[in-house]
């Protein structure tokens, strides 16, 4: 059986990725996810609106895929998730990119040069 890649977006709160003493270390959640092959994607600093977008997608994924499709194996999950992803990315429209689908947004964005955020220092903790 091949490796099943799962990605999960999480808040960038320090509890998820380290501690006040070791802010660049791996917290328990990160260690657990890596142990089980789950890839974590952290919401960028100073972009809290992304959490709502992620939660909206997670709700959509749960209702339109996980609650409707019975899967018995990792291969069935992989194939079903890929089919859902293709359908979602070509049909589902988001308000943030002016009603474009994810694929339309990608095509539009690919015509522009890449922009990288400025280097950030380690987040300060209270």
PDB file of N, CA and C in Angstrom:
ATOM      1  N   UNK A   1       0.850  -1.176   0.000  1.00  0.00           N
ATOM      2  CA  UNK A   1       0.000   0.000   0.000  1.00  0.00           C
ATOM      3  C   UNK A   1       0.891   1.232   0.000  1.00  0.00           C
ATOM      4  N   UNK A   2       0.583   2.231  -0.846  1.00  0.00           N
ATOM      5  CA  UNK A   2       1.360   3.463  -0.931  1.00  0.00           C
ATOM      6  C   UNK A   2       1.079   4.382   0.233  1.00  0.00           C
ATOM      7  N   UNK A   3       1.852   5.425   0.321  1.00  0.00           N
ATOM      8  CA  UNK A   3       1.718   6.417   1.380  1.00  0.00           C
ATOM      9  C   UNK A   3       0.544   7.340   1.066  1.00  0.00           C
ATOM     10  N   UNK A   4      -0.303   7.598   2.042  1.00  0.00           N
ATOM     11  CA  UNK A   4      -1.419   8.507   1.894  1.00  0.00           C
ATOM     12  C   UNK A   4      -0.981   9.858   2.436  1.00  0.00           C
ATOM     13  N   UNK A   5      -0.974  10.876   1.594  1.00  0.00           N
ATOM     14  CA  UNK A   5      -0.578  12.209   2.027  1.00  0.00           C
ATOM     15  C   UNK A   5      -1.806  12.978   2.442  1.00  0.00           C
ATOM     16  N   UNK A   6      -1.786  13.465   3.662  1.00  0.00           N
ATOM     17  CA  UNK A   6      -2.878  14.259   4.188  1.00  0.00           C
ATOM     18  C   UNK A   6      -2.292  15.599   4.594  1.00  0.00           C
ATOM     19  N   UNK A   7      -2.953  16.672   4.209  1.00  0.00           N
ATOM     20  CA  UNK A   7      -2.524  18.005   4.615  1.00  0.00           C
ATOM     21  C   UNK A   7      -3.596  18.591   5.508  1.00  0.00           C
ATOM     22  N   UNK A   8      -3.165  19.386   6.458  1.00  0.00           N
ATOM     23  CA  UNK A   8      -4.100  20.026   7.369  1.00  0.00           C
ATOM     24  C   UNK A   8      -3.591  21.421   7.666  1.00  0.00           C
ATOM     25  N   UNK A   9      -4.444  22.411   7.464  1.00  0.00           N
ATOM     26  CA  UNK A   9      -4.079  23.782   7.792  1.00  0.00           C
ATOM     27  C   UNK A   9      -4.384  24.020   9.257  1.00  0.00           C
ATOM     28  N   UNK A  10      -3.482  24.702   9.920  1.00  0.00           N
ATOM     29  CA  UNK A  10      -3.678  25.011  11.335  1.00  0.00           C
ATOM     30  C   UNK A  10      -3.321  26.465  11.592  1.00  0.00           C
ATOM     31  N   UNK A  11      -3.834  26.960  12.691  1.00  0.00           N
ATOM     32  CA  UNK A  11      -3.537  28.307  13.144  1.00  0.00           C
ATOM     33  C   UNK A  11      -2.050  28.412  13.437  1.00  0.00           C
ATOM     34  N   UNK A  12      -1.501  29.615  13.392  1.00  0.00           N
ATOM     35  CA  UNK A  12      -0.078  29.768  13.656  1.00  0.00           C
ATOM     36  C   UNK A  12       0.218  30.088  15.112  1.00  0.00           C
ATOM     37  N   UNK A  13      -0.726  29.794  15.984  1.00  0.00           N
ATOM     38  CA  UNK A  13      -0.520  30.018  17.404  1.00  0.00           C
ATOM     39  C   UNK A  13       0.646  29.158  17.898  1.00  0.00           C
ATOM     40  N   UNK A  14       1.429  29.688  18.799  1.00  0.00           N
ATOM     41  CA  UNK A  14       2.672  29.038  19.227  1.00  0.00           C
ATOM     42  C   UNK A  14       2.441  27.640  19.809  1.00  0.00           C
ATOM     43  N   UNK A  15       1.281  27.387  20.368  1.00  0.00           N
ATOM     44  CA  UNK A  15       1.015  26.070  20.951  1.00  0.00           C
ATOM     45  C   UNK A  15       1.096  24.961  19.902  1.00  0.00           C
ATOM     46  N   UNK A  16       0.883  25.304  18.623  1.00  0.00           N
ATOM     47  CA  UNK A  16       0.906  24.300  17.577  1.00  0.00           C
ATOM     48  C   UNK A  16       2.299  23.969  17.072  1.00  0.00           C
ATOM     49  N   UNK A  17       3.254  24.870  17.249  1.00  0.00           N
ATOM     50  CA  UNK A  17       4.558  24.592  16.659  1.00  0.00           C
ATOM     51  C   UNK A  17       5.741  24.707  17.599  1.00  0.00           C
ATOM     52  N   UNK A  18       5.569  25.036  18.824  1.00  0.00           N
ATOM     53  CA  UNK A  18       6.731  25.114  19.715  1.00  0.00           C
ATOM     54  C   UNK A  18       6.308  25.495  21.112  1.00  0.00           C
ATOM     55  N   UNK A  19       7.149  26.261  21.744  1.00  0.00           N
ATOM     56  CA  UNK A  19       6.868  26.726  23.097  1.00  0.00           C
ATOM     57  C   UNK A  19       7.512  28.096  23.259  1.00  0.00           C
ATOM     58  N   UNK A  20       7.150  28.837  24.306  1.00  0.00           N
ATOM     59  CA  UNK A  20       7.788  30.133  24.515  1.00  0.00           C
ATOM     60  C   UNK A  20       9.312  30.020  24.645  1.00  0.00           C
ATOM     61  N   UNK A  21       9.786  28.926  25.200  1.00  0.00           N
ATOM     62  CA  UNK A  21      11.222  28.726  25.356  1.00  0.00           C
ATOM     63  C   UNK A  21      11.889  28.331  24.043  1.00  0.00           C
ATOM     64  N   UNK A  22      11.201  27.510  23.259  1.00  0.00           N
ATOM     65  CA  UNK A  22      11.747  27.005  21.991  1.00  0.00           C
ATOM     66  C   UNK A  22      10.731  27.248  20.858  1.00  0.00           C
ATOM     67  N   UNK A  23      10.567  28.506  20.430  1.00  0.00           N
ATOM     68  CA  UNK A  23       9.526  28.811  19.440  1.00  0.00           C
ATOM     69  C   UNK A  23       9.743  28.181  18.075  1.00  0.00           C
ATOM     70  N   UNK A  24      10.937  27.743  17.768  1.00  0.00           N
ATOM     71  CA  UNK A  24      11.178  27.105  16.474  1.00  0.00           C
ATOM     72  C   UNK A  24      11.150  25.582  16.575  1.00  0.00           C
ATOM     73  N   UNK A  25      10.840  25.078  17.740  1.00  0.00           N
ATOM     74  CA  UNK A  25      10.780  23.631  17.931  1.00  0.00           C
ATOM     75  C   UNK A  25       9.457  23.059  17.468  1.00  0.00           C
ATOM     76  N   UNK A  26       9.355  21.749  17.514  1.00  0.00           N
ATOM     77  CA  UNK A  26       8.126  21.071  17.120  1.00  0.00           C
ATOM     78  C   UNK A  26       7.321  20.742  18.373  1.00  0.00           C
ATOM     79  N   UNK A  27       6.085  21.215  18.406  1.00  0.00           N
ATOM     80  CA  UNK A  27       5.184  20.922  19.504  1.00  0.00           C
ATOM     81  C   UNK A  27       4.604  19.524  19.365  1.00  0.00           C
ATOM     82  N   UNK A  28       3.857  19.083  20.381  1.00  0.00           N
ATOM     83  CA  UNK A  28       3.270  17.732  20.354  1.00  0.00           C
ATOM     84  C   UNK A  28       2.361  17.480  19.152  1.00  0.00           C
ATOM     85  N   UNK A  29       1.573  18.478  18.748  1.00  0.00           N
ATOM     86  CA  UNK A  29       0.691  18.286  17.590  1.00  0.00           C
ATOM     87  C   UNK A  29       1.507  18.035  16.326  1.00  0.00           C
ATOM     88  N   UNK A  30       2.554  18.822  16.132  1.00  0.00           N
ATOM     89  CA  UNK A  30       3.384  18.654  14.944  1.00  0.00           C
ATOM     90  C   UNK A  30       4.066  17.295  14.949  1.00  0.00           C
ATOM     91  N   UNK A  31       4.573  16.869  16.071  1.00  0.00           N
ATOM     92  CA  UNK A  31       5.236  15.565  16.164  1.00  0.00           C
ATOM     93  C   UNK A  31       4.257  14.430  15.850  1.00  0.00           C
ATOM     94  N   UNK A  32       3.049  14.528  16.399  1.00  0.00           N
ATOM     95  CA  UNK A  32       2.033  13.505  16.155  1.00  0.00           C
ATOM     96  C   UNK A  32       1.687  13.440  14.670  1.00  0.00           C
ATOM     97  N   UNK A  33       1.466  14.598  14.065  1.00  0.00           N
ATOM     98  CA  UNK A  33       1.123  14.632  12.637  1.00  0.00           C
ATOM     99  C   UNK A  33       2.241  14.062  11.785  1.00  0.00           C
ATOM    100  N   UNK A  34       3.469  14.452  12.040  1.00  0.00           N
ATOM    101  CA  UNK A  34       4.592  13.940  11.252  1.00  0.00           C
ATOM    102  C   UNK A  34       4.741  12.431  11.421  1.00  0.00           C
ATOM    103  N   UNK A  35       4.493  11.948  12.631  1.00  0.00           N
ATOM    104  CA  UNK A  35       4.576  10.508  12.889  1.00  0.00           C
ATOM    105  C   UNK A  35       3.601   9.732  11.997  1.00  0.00           C
ATOM    106  N   UNK A  36       2.410  10.310  11.783  1.00  0.00           N
ATOM    107  CA  UNK A  36       1.394   9.637  10.976  1.00  0.00           C
ATOM    108  C   UNK A  36       1.361  10.111   9.522  1.00  0.00           C
ATOM    109  N   UNK A  37       2.364  10.885   9.099  1.00  0.00           N
ATOM    110  CA  UNK A  37       2.458  11.300   7.704  1.00  0.00           C
ATOM    111  C   UNK A  37       1.504  12.408   7.311  1.00  0.00           C
ATOM    112  N   UNK A  38       1.069  13.200   8.279  1.00  0.00           N
ATOM    113  CA  UNK A  38       0.173  14.323   7.996  1.00  0.00           C
ATOM    114  C   UNK A  38       1.016  15.581   7.845  1.00  0.00           C
ATOM    115  N   UNK A  39       0.852  16.254   6.733  1.00  0.00           N
ATOM    116  CA  UNK A  39       1.605  17.469   6.446  1.00  0.00           C
ATOM    117  C   UNK A  39       0.822  18.674   6.970  1.00  0.00           C
ATOM    118  N   UNK A  40       1.440  19.449   7.840  1.00  0.00           N
ATOM    119  CA  UNK A  40       0.786  20.628   8.392  1.00  0.00           C
ATOM    120  C   UNK A  40       1.124  21.858   7.565  1.00  0.00           C
ATOM    121  N   UNK A  41       0.133  22.678   7.311  1.00  0.00           N
ATOM    122  CA  UNK A  41       0.316  23.965   6.643  1.00  0.00           C
ATOM    123  C   UNK A  41      -0.132  25.016   7.634  1.00  0.00           C
ATOM    124  N   UNK A  42       0.760  25.920   7.999  1.00  0.00           N
ATOM    125  CA  UNK A  42       0.421  26.961   8.956  1.00  0.00           C
ATOM    126  C   UNK A  42      -0.120  28.193   8.236  1.00  0.00           C
ATOM    127  N   UNK A  43      -1.148  28.775   8.803  1.00  0.00           N
ATOM    128  CA  UNK A  43      -1.715  30.003   8.274  1.00  0.00           C
ATOM    129  C   UNK A  43      -0.662  31.095   8.456  1.00  0.00           C
ATOM    130  N   UNK A  44      -0.377  31.867   7.424  1.00  0.00           N
ATOM    131  CA  UNK A  44       0.671  32.894   7.529  1.00  0.00           C
ATOM    132  C   UNK A  44       0.384  33.921   8.630  1.00  0.00           C
ATOM    133  N   UNK A  45       1.447  34.428   9.221  1.00  0.00           N
ATOM    134  CA  UNK A  45       1.328  35.476  10.231  1.00  0.00           C
ATOM    135  C   UNK A  45       0.577  36.664   9.643  1.00  0.00           C
ATOM    136  N   UNK A  46      -0.214  37.312  10.463  1.00  0.00           N
ATOM    137  CA  UNK A  46      -0.953  38.527  10.101  1.00  0.00           C
ATOM    138  C   UNK A  46      -1.991  38.302   9.007  1.00  0.00           C
ATOM    139  N   UNK A  47      -2.459  37.074   8.831  1.00  0.00           N
ATOM    140  CA  UNK A  47      -3.520  36.787   7.873  1.00  0.00           C
ATOM    141  C   UNK A  47      -4.601  35.921   8.527  1.00  0.00           C
ATOM    142  N   UNK A  48      -5.206  36.423   9.626  1.00  0.00           N
ATOM    143  CA  UNK A  48      -6.184  35.598  10.353  1.00  0.00           C
ATOM    144  C   UNK A  48      -7.424  35.263   9.550  1.00  0.00           C
ATOM    145  N   UNK A  49      -7.732  36.049   8.498  1.00  0.00           N
ATOM    146  CA  UNK A  49      -8.896  35.754   7.675  1.00  0.00           C
ATOM    147  C   UNK A  49      -8.784  34.394   7.012  1.00  0.00           C
ATOM    148  N   UNK A  50      -7.562  33.896   6.836  1.00  0.00           N
ATOM    149  CA  UNK A  50      -7.393  32.598   6.178  1.00  0.00           C
ATOM    150  C   UNK A  50      -7.984  31.463   7.003  1.00  0.00           C
ATOM    151  N   UNK A  51      -8.027  31.613   8.322  1.00  0.00           N
ATOM    152  CA  UNK A  51      -8.598  30.567   9.161  1.00  0.00           C
ATOM    153  C   UNK A  51     -10.053  30.314   8.781  1.00  0.00           C
ATOM    154  N   UNK A  52     -10.808  31.382   8.540  1.00  0.00           N
ATOM    155  CA  UNK A  52     -12.207  31.225   8.134  1.00  0.00           C
ATOM    156  C   UNK A  52     -12.334  30.531   6.794  1.00  0.00           C
ATOM    157  N   UNK A  53     -11.441  30.845   5.866  1.00  0.00           N
ATOM    158  CA  UNK A  53     -11.457  30.207   4.540  1.00  0.00           C
ATOM    159  C   UNK A  53     -11.159  28.718   4.680  1.00  0.00           C
ATOM    160  N   UNK A  54     -10.179  28.398   5.511  1.00  0.00           N
ATOM    161  CA  UNK A  54      -9.810  26.995   5.728  1.00  0.00           C
ATOM    162  C   UNK A  54     -10.971  26.239   6.367  1.00  0.00           C
ATOM    163  N   UNK A  55     -11.577  26.844   7.380  1.00  0.00           N
ATOM    164  CA  UNK A  55     -12.703  26.175   8.047  1.00  0.00           C
ATOM    165  C   UNK A  55     -13.891  26.019   7.099  1.00  0.00           C
ATOM    166  N   UNK A  56     -14.117  26.992   6.229  1.00  0.00           N
ATOM    167  CA  UNK A  56     -15.195  26.873   5.246  1.00  0.00           C
ATOM    168  C   UNK A  56     -14.930  25.695   4.312  1.00  0.00           C
ATOM    169  N   UNK A  57     -13.679  25.560   3.853  1.00  0.00           N
ATOM    170  CA  UNK A  57     -13.347  24.433   2.984  1.00  0.00           C
ATOM    171  C   UNK A  57     -13.497  23.110   3.741  1.00  0.00           C
ATOM    172  N   UNK A  58     -13.005  23.050   4.987  1.00  0.00           N
ATOM    173  CA  UNK A  58     -13.109  21.815   5.764  1.00  0.00           C
ATOM    174  C   UNK A  58     -14.564  21.394   5.936  1.00  0.00           C
ATOM    175  N   UNK A  59     -15.453  22.356   6.170  1.00  0.00           N
ATOM    176  CA  UNK A  59     -16.874  22.067   6.307  1.00  0.00           C
ATOM    177  C   UNK A  59     -17.439  21.549   4.982  1.00  0.00           C
ATOM    178  N   UNK A  60     -17.067  22.197   3.900  1.00  0.00           N
ATOM    179  CA  UNK A  60     -17.501  21.772   2.562  1.00  0.00           C
ATOM    180  C   UNK A  60     -17.015  20.345   2.269  1.00  0.00           C
ATOM    181  N   UNK A  61     -15.751  20.069   2.563  1.00  0.00           N
ATOM    182  CA  UNK A  61     -15.142  18.741   2.347  1.00  0.00           C
ATOM    183  C   UNK A  61     -15.867  17.673   3.173  1.00  0.00           C
ATOM    184  N   UNK A  62     -16.175  18.014   4.425  1.00  0.00           N
ATOM    185  CA  UNK A  62     -16.877  17.078   5.302  1.00  0.00           C
ATOM    186  C   UNK A  62     -18.270  16.768   4.759  1.00  0.00           C
ATOM    187  N   UNK A  63     -19.035  17.813   4.421  1.00  0.00           N
ATOM    188  CA  UNK A  63     -20.417  17.627   3.976  1.00  0.00           C
ATOM    189  C   UNK A  63     -20.539  16.997   2.592  1.00  0.00           C
ATOM    190  N   UNK A  64     -19.702  17.414   1.666  1.00  0.00           N
ATOM    191  CA  UNK A  64     -19.845  16.968   0.281  1.00  0.00           C
ATOM    192  C   UNK A  64     -19.049  15.722  -0.065  1.00  0.00           C
ATOM    193  N   UNK A  65     -18.099  15.345   0.791  1.00  0.00           N
ATOM    194  CA  UNK A  65     -17.288  14.169   0.475  1.00  0.00           C
ATOM    195  C   UNK A  65     -17.303  13.147   1.606  1.00  0.00           C
ATOM    196  N   UNK A  66     -16.759  13.507   2.745  1.00  0.00           N
ATOM    197  CA  UNK A  66     -16.599  12.517   3.823  1.00  0.00           C
ATOM    198  C   UNK A  66     -17.930  11.962   4.338  1.00  0.00           C
ATOM    199  N   UNK A  67     -18.963  12.806   4.419  1.00  0.00           N
ATOM    200  CA  UNK A  67     -20.265  12.340   4.906  1.00  0.00           C
ATOM    201  C   UNK A  67     -21.051  11.556   3.864  1.00  0.00           C
ATOM    202  N   UNK A  68     -20.653  11.631   2.597  1.00  0.00           N
ATOM    203  CA  UNK A  68     -21.435  11.011   1.523  1.00  0.00           C
ATOM    204  C   UNK A  68     -20.795   9.776   0.905  1.00  0.00           C
ATOM    205  N   UNK A  69     -19.504   9.628   1.050  1.00  0.00           N
ATOM    206  CA  UNK A  69     -18.795   8.556   0.349  1.00  0.00           C
ATOM    207  C   UNK A  69     -18.269   7.541   1.356  1.00  0.00           C
ATOM    208  N   UNK A  70     -18.693   6.294   1.203  1.00  0.00           N
ATOM    209  CA  UNK A  70     -18.211   5.219   2.083  1.00  0.00           C
ATOM    210  C   UNK A  70     -16.898   4.681   1.513  1.00  0.00           C
ATOM    211  N   UNK A  71     -15.875   4.679   2.343  1.00  0.00           N
ATOM    212  CA  UNK A  71     -14.551   4.208   1.917  1.00  0.00           C
ATOM    213  C   UNK A  71     -14.072   3.141   2.892  1.00  0.00           C
ATOM    214  N   UNK A  72     -13.464   2.112   2.341  1.00  0.00           N
ATOM    215  CA  UNK A  72     -12.975   1.014   3.165  1.00  0.00           C
ATOM    216  C   UNK A  72     -11.451   0.962   3.236  1.00  0.00           C
ATOM    217  N   UNK A  73     -10.788   1.530   2.234  1.00  0.00           N
ATOM    218  CA  UNK A  73      -9.330   1.425   2.178  1.00  0.00           C
ATOM    219  C   UNK A  73      -8.706   2.797   1.934  1.00  0.00           C
ATOM    220  N   UNK A  74      -7.403   2.874   2.166  1.00  0.00           N
ATOM    221  CA  UNK A  74      -6.667   4.111   1.898  1.00  0.00           C
ATOM    222  C   UNK A  74      -6.695   4.442   0.412  1.00  0.00           C
ATOM    223  N   UNK A  75      -6.662   3.421  -0.452  1.00  0.00           N
ATOM    224  CA  UNK A  75      -6.726   3.663  -1.894  1.00  0.00           C
ATOM    225  C   UNK A  75      -8.062   4.278  -2.297  1.00  0.00           C
ATOM    226  N   UNK A  76      -9.155   3.815  -1.708  1.00  0.00           N
ATOM    227  CA  UNK A  76     -10.466   4.394  -1.987  1.00  0.00           C
ATOM    228  C   UNK A  76     -10.516   5.845  -1.524  1.00  0.00           C
ATOM    229  N   UNK A  77      -9.946   6.117  -0.362  1.00  0.00           N
ATOM    230  CA  UNK A  77      -9.887   7.486   0.144  1.00  0.00           C
ATOM    231  C   UNK A  77      -9.062   8.357  -0.796  1.00  0.00           C
ATOM    232  N   UNK A  78      -7.912   7.877  -1.220  1.00  0.00           N
ATOM    233  CA  UNK A  78      -7.033   8.631  -2.115  1.00  0.00           C
ATOM    234  C   UNK A  78      -7.748   8.949  -3.430  1.00  0.00           C
ATOM    235  N   UNK A  79      -8.368   7.945  -4.034  1.00  0.00           N
ATOM    236  CA  UNK A  79      -9.057   8.149  -5.313  1.00  0.00           C
ATOM    237  C   UNK A  79     -10.256   9.089  -5.152  1.00  0.00           C
ATOM    238  N   UNK A  80     -11.026   8.886  -4.099  1.00  0.00           N
ATOM    239  CA  UNK A  80     -12.190   9.744  -3.856  1.00  0.00           C
ATOM    240  C   UNK A  80     -11.790  11.172  -3.554  1.00  0.00           C
ATOM    241  N   UNK A  81     -10.727  11.344  -2.770  1.00  0.00           N
ATOM    242  CA  UNK A  81     -10.262  12.690  -2.435  1.00  0.00           C
ATOM    243  C   UNK A  81      -9.754  13.410  -3.682  1.00  0.00           C
ATOM    244  N   UNK A  82      -9.066  12.700  -4.553  1.00  0.00           N
ATOM    245  CA  UNK A  82      -8.576  13.304  -5.794  1.00  0.00           C
ATOM    246  C   UNK A  82      -9.739  13.724  -6.687  1.00  0.00           C
ATOM    247  N   UNK A  83     -10.747  12.869  -6.804  1.00  0.00           N
ATOM    248  CA  UNK A  83     -11.923  13.209  -7.616  1.00  0.00           C
ATOM    249  C   UNK A  83     -12.653  14.411  -7.027  1.00  0.00           C
ATOM    250  N   UNK A  84     -12.793  14.434  -5.695  1.00  0.00           N
ATOM    251  CA  UNK A  84     -13.432  15.584  -5.049  1.00  0.00           C
ATOM    252  C   UNK A  84     -12.623  16.860  -5.285  1.00  0.00           C
ATOM    253  N   UNK A  85     -11.307  16.758  -5.147  1.00  0.00           N
ATOM    254  CA  UNK A  85     -10.433  17.917  -5.338  1.00  0.00           C
ATOM    255  C   UNK A  85     -10.573  18.480  -6.756  1.00  0.00           C
ATOM    256  N   UNK A  86     -10.587  17.603  -7.748  1.00  0.00           N
ATOM    257  CA  UNK A  86     -10.717  18.058  -9.136  1.00  0.00           C
ATOM    258  C   UNK A  86     -12.069  18.731  -9.371  1.00  0.00           C
ATOM    259  N   UNK A  87     -13.121  18.138  -8.837  1.00  0.00           N
ATOM    260  CA  UNK A  87     -14.462  18.720  -8.984  1.00  0.00           C
ATOM    261  C   UNK A  87     -14.537  20.060  -8.259  1.00  0.00           C
ATOM    262  N   UNK A  88     -14.060  20.097  -7.035  1.00  0.00           N
ATOM    263  CA  UNK A  88     -14.093  21.320  -6.235  1.00  0.00           C
ATOM    264  C   UNK A  88     -13.309  22.448  -6.912  1.00  0.00           C
ATOM    265  N   UNK A  89     -12.090  22.144  -7.345  1.00  0.00           N
ATOM    266  CA  UNK A  89     -11.218  23.181  -7.902  1.00  0.00           C
ATOM    267  C   UNK A  89     -11.709  23.726  -9.239  1.00  0.00           C
ATOM    268  N   UNK A  90     -12.545  22.965  -9.932  1.00  0.00           N
ATOM    269  CA  UNK A  90     -13.041  23.435 -11.224  1.00  0.00           C
ATOM    270  C   UNK A  90     -14.447  24.034 -11.145  1.00  0.00           C
ATOM    271  N   UNK A  91     -15.171  23.817 -10.030  1.00  0.00           N
ATOM    272  CA  UNK A  91     -16.564  24.282  -9.954  1.00  0.00           C
ATOM    273  C   UNK A  91     -16.880  25.212  -8.788  1.00  0.00           C
ATOM    274  N   UNK A  92     -16.251  25.016  -7.641  1.00  0.00           N
ATOM    275  CA  UNK A  92     -16.606  25.774  -6.444  1.00  0.00           C
ATOM    276  C   UNK A  92     -16.012  27.178  -6.513  1.00  0.00           C
ATOM    277  N   UNK A  93     -16.842  28.175  -6.277  1.00  0.00           N
ATOM    278  CA  UNK A  93     -16.392  29.567  -6.389  1.00  0.00           C
ATOM    279  C   UNK A  93     -16.293  30.215  -5.019  1.00  0.00           C
ATOM    280  N   UNK A  94     -15.225  30.990  -4.831  1.00  0.00           N
ATOM    281  CA  UNK A  94     -14.982  31.699  -3.573  1.00  0.00           C
ATOM    282  C   UNK A  94     -15.143  33.195  -3.789  1.00  0.00           C
ATOM    283  N   UNK A  95     -15.629  33.887  -2.770  1.00  0.00           N
ATOM    284  CA  UNK A  95     -15.830  35.330  -2.886  1.00  0.00           C
ATOM    285  C   UNK A  95     -14.508  36.103  -2.854  1.00  0.00           C
ATOM    286  N   UNK A  96     -13.524  35.653  -2.114  1.00  0.00           N
ATOM    287  CA  UNK A  96     -12.255  36.385  -1.988  1.00  0.00           C
ATOM    288  C   UNK A  96     -11.578  36.618  -3.341  1.00  0.00           C
ATOM    289  N   UNK A  97     -11.499  35.627  -4.234  1.00  0.00           N
ATOM    290  CA  UNK A  97     -10.912  35.903  -5.564  1.00  0.00           C
ATOM    291  C   UNK A  97     -11.963  36.340  -6.590  1.00  0.00           C
ATOM    292  N   UNK A  98     -12.928  37.139  -6.134  1.00  0.00           N
ATOM    293  CA  UNK A  98     -13.962  37.692  -7.027  1.00  0.00           C
ATOM    294  C   UNK A  98     -14.787  36.631  -7.741  1.00  0.00           C
ATOM    295  N   UNK A  99     -15.166  35.588  -7.023  1.00  0.00           N
ATOM    296  CA  UNK A  99     -16.049  34.563  -7.571  1.00  0.00           C
ATOM    297  C   UNK A  99     -15.392  33.564  -8.497  1.00  0.00           C
ATOM    298  N   UNK A 100     -14.066  33.551  -8.525  1.00  0.00           N
ATOM    299  CA  UNK A 100     -13.359  32.595  -9.378  1.00  0.00           C
ATOM    300  C   UNK A 100     -13.252  31.246  -8.677  1.00  0.00           C
ATOM    301  N   UNK A 101     -13.109  30.203  -9.477  1.00  0.00           N
ATOM    302  CA  UNK A 101     -12.826  28.876  -8.928  1.00  0.00           C
ATOM    303  C   UNK A 101     -11.347  28.834  -8.553  1.00  0.00           C
ATOM    304  N   UNK A 102     -10.929  27.855  -7.744  1.00  0.00           N
ATOM    305  CA  UNK A 102      -9.496  27.732  -7.451  1.00  0.00           C
ATOM    306  C   UNK A 102      -8.637  27.584  -8.707  1.00  0.00           C
ATOM    307  N   UNK A 103      -9.105  26.850  -9.707  1.00  0.00           N
ATOM    308  CA  UNK A 103      -8.323  26.706 -10.944  1.00  0.00           C
ATOM    309  C   UNK A 103      -8.226  28.017 -11.712  1.00  0.00           C
ATOM    310  N   UNK A 104      -9.323  28.758 -11.782  1.00  0.00           N
ATOM    311  CA  UNK A 104      -9.284  30.062 -12.450  1.00  0.00           C
ATOM    312  C   UNK A 104      -8.340  31.011 -11.724  1.00  0.00           C
ATOM    313  N   UNK A 105      -8.351  30.951 -10.408  1.00  0.00           N
ATOM    314  CA  UNK A 105      -7.462  31.789  -9.609  1.00  0.00           C
ATOM    315  C   UNK A 105      -6.006  31.431  -9.867  1.00  0.00           C
ATOM    316  N   UNK A 106      -5.711  30.147  -9.941  1.00  0.00           N
ATOM    317  CA  UNK A 106      -4.347  29.698 -10.207  1.00  0.00           C
ATOM    318  C   UNK A 106      -3.874  30.141 -11.586  1.00  0.00           C
ATOM    319  N   UNK A 107      -4.724  29.996 -12.586  1.00  0.00           N
ATOM    320  CA  UNK A 107      -4.362  30.412 -13.939  1.00  0.00           C
ATOM    321  C   UNK A 107      -4.107  31.920 -13.968  1.00  0.00           C
ATOM    322  N   UNK A 108      -4.983  32.665 -13.321  1.00  0.00           N
ATOM    323  CA  UNK A 108      -4.817  34.117 -13.275  1.00  0.00           C
ATOM    324  C   UNK A 108      -3.523  34.489 -12.540  1.00  0.00           C
ATOM    325  N   UNK A 109      -3.261  33.844 -11.422  1.00  0.00           N
ATOM    326  CA  UNK A 109      -2.071  34.152 -10.620  1.00  0.00           C
ATOM    327  C   UNK A 109      -0.786  33.736 -11.321  1.00  0.00           C
ATOM    328  N   UNK A 110      -0.845  32.703 -12.137  1.00  0.00           N
ATOM    329  CA  UNK A 110       0.373  32.217 -12.780  1.00  0.00           C
ATOM    330  C   UNK A 110       0.901  33.193 -13.829  1.00  0.00           C
ATOM    331  N   UNK A 111       0.086  34.155 -14.240  1.00  0.00           N
ATOM    332  CA  UNK A 111       0.526  35.153 -15.205  1.00  0.00           C
ATOM    333  C   UNK A 111       1.324  36.271 -14.535  1.00  0.00           C
ATOM    334  N   UNK A 112       1.402  36.236 -13.224  1.00  0.00           N
ATOM    335  CA  UNK A 112       2.116  37.262 -12.481  1.00  0.00           C
ATOM    336  C   UNK A 112       3.395  36.674 -11.898  1.00  0.00           C
ATOM    337  N   UNK A 113       4.315  37.543 -11.568  1.00  0.00           N
ATOM    338  CA  UNK A 113       5.544  37.055 -10.932  1.00  0.00           C
ATOM    339  C   UNK A 113       5.251  36.669  -9.484  1.00  0.00           C
ATOM    340  N   UNK A 114       6.038  35.747  -8.985  1.00  0.00           N
ATOM    341  CA  UNK A 114       5.860  35.294  -7.611  1.00  0.00           C
ATOM    342  C   UNK A 114       6.284  36.373  -6.626  1.00  0.00           C
ATOM    343  N   UNK A 115       5.562  36.468  -5.537  1.00  0.00           N
ATOM    344  CA  UNK A 115       5.912  37.407  -4.470  1.00  0.00           C
ATOM    345  C   UNK A 115       6.131  36.596  -3.204  1.00  0.00           C
ATOM    346  N   UNK A 116       7.186  36.908  -2.503  1.00  0.00           N
ATOM    347  CA  UNK A 116       7.482  36.223  -1.263  1.00  0.00           C
ATOM    348  C   UNK A 116       7.333  37.194  -0.104  1.00  0.00           C
ATOM    349  N   UNK A 117       6.811  36.720   1.023  1.00  0.00           N
ATOM    350  CA  UNK A 117       6.675  37.625   2.167  1.00  0.00           C
ATOM    351  C   UNK A 117       8.047  38.022   2.693  1.00  0.00           C
ATOM    352  N   UNK A 118       8.127  39.187   3.342  1.00  0.00           N
ATOM    353  CA  UNK A 118       9.407  39.576   3.921  1.00  0.00           C
ATOM    354  C   UNK A 118       9.803  38.594   5.017  1.00  0.00           C
ATOM    355  N   UNK A 119      11.085  38.482   5.249  1.00  0.00           N
ATOM    356  CA  UNK A 119      11.533  37.596   6.315  1.00  0.00           C
ATOM    357  C   UNK A 119      10.934  38.045   7.623  1.00  0.00           C
ATOM    358  N   UNK A 120      10.482  37.063   8.375  1.00  0.00           N
ATOM    359  CA  UNK A 120       9.857  37.381   9.659  1.00  0.00           C
ATOM    360  C   UNK A 120      10.717  36.862  10.784  1.00  0.00           C
ATOM    361  N   UNK A 121      10.734  37.592  11.846  1.00  0.00           N
ATOM    362  CA  UNK A 121      11.464  37.123  13.015  1.00  0.00           C
ATOM    363  C   UNK A 121      10.565  36.158  13.791  1.00  0.00           C
ATOM    364  N   UNK A 122      11.104  35.519  14.770  1.00  0.00           N
ATOM    365  CA  UNK A 122      10.350  34.599  15.605  1.00  0.00           C
ATOM    366  C   UNK A 122       9.248  35.382  16.307  1.00  0.00           C
ATOM    367  N   UNK A 123       8.005  34.890  16.303  1.00  0.00           N
ATOM    368  CA  UNK A 123       6.913  35.616  16.957  1.00  0.00           C
ATOM    369  C   UNK A 123       7.187  35.780  18.448  1.00  0.00           C
ATOM    370  N   UNK A 124       6.869  36.954  18.947  1.00  0.00           N
ATOM    371  CA  UNK A 124       7.021  37.198  20.369  1.00  0.00           C
ATOM    372  C   UNK A 124       5.877  36.542  21.113  1.00  0.00           C
ATOM    373  N   UNK A 125       6.146  36.094  22.320  1.00  0.00           N
ATOM    374  CA  UNK A 125       5.104  35.479  23.141  1.00  0.00           C
ATOM    375  C   UNK A 125       4.849  36.350  24.347  1.00  0.00           C
ATOM    376  N   UNK A 126       3.684  36.166  24.895  1.00  0.00           N
ATOM    377  CA  UNK A 126       3.326  36.954  26.101  1.00  0.00           C
ATOM    378  C   UNK A 126       3.982  36.398  27.325  1.00  0.00           C
TER     379      UNK A 126
END
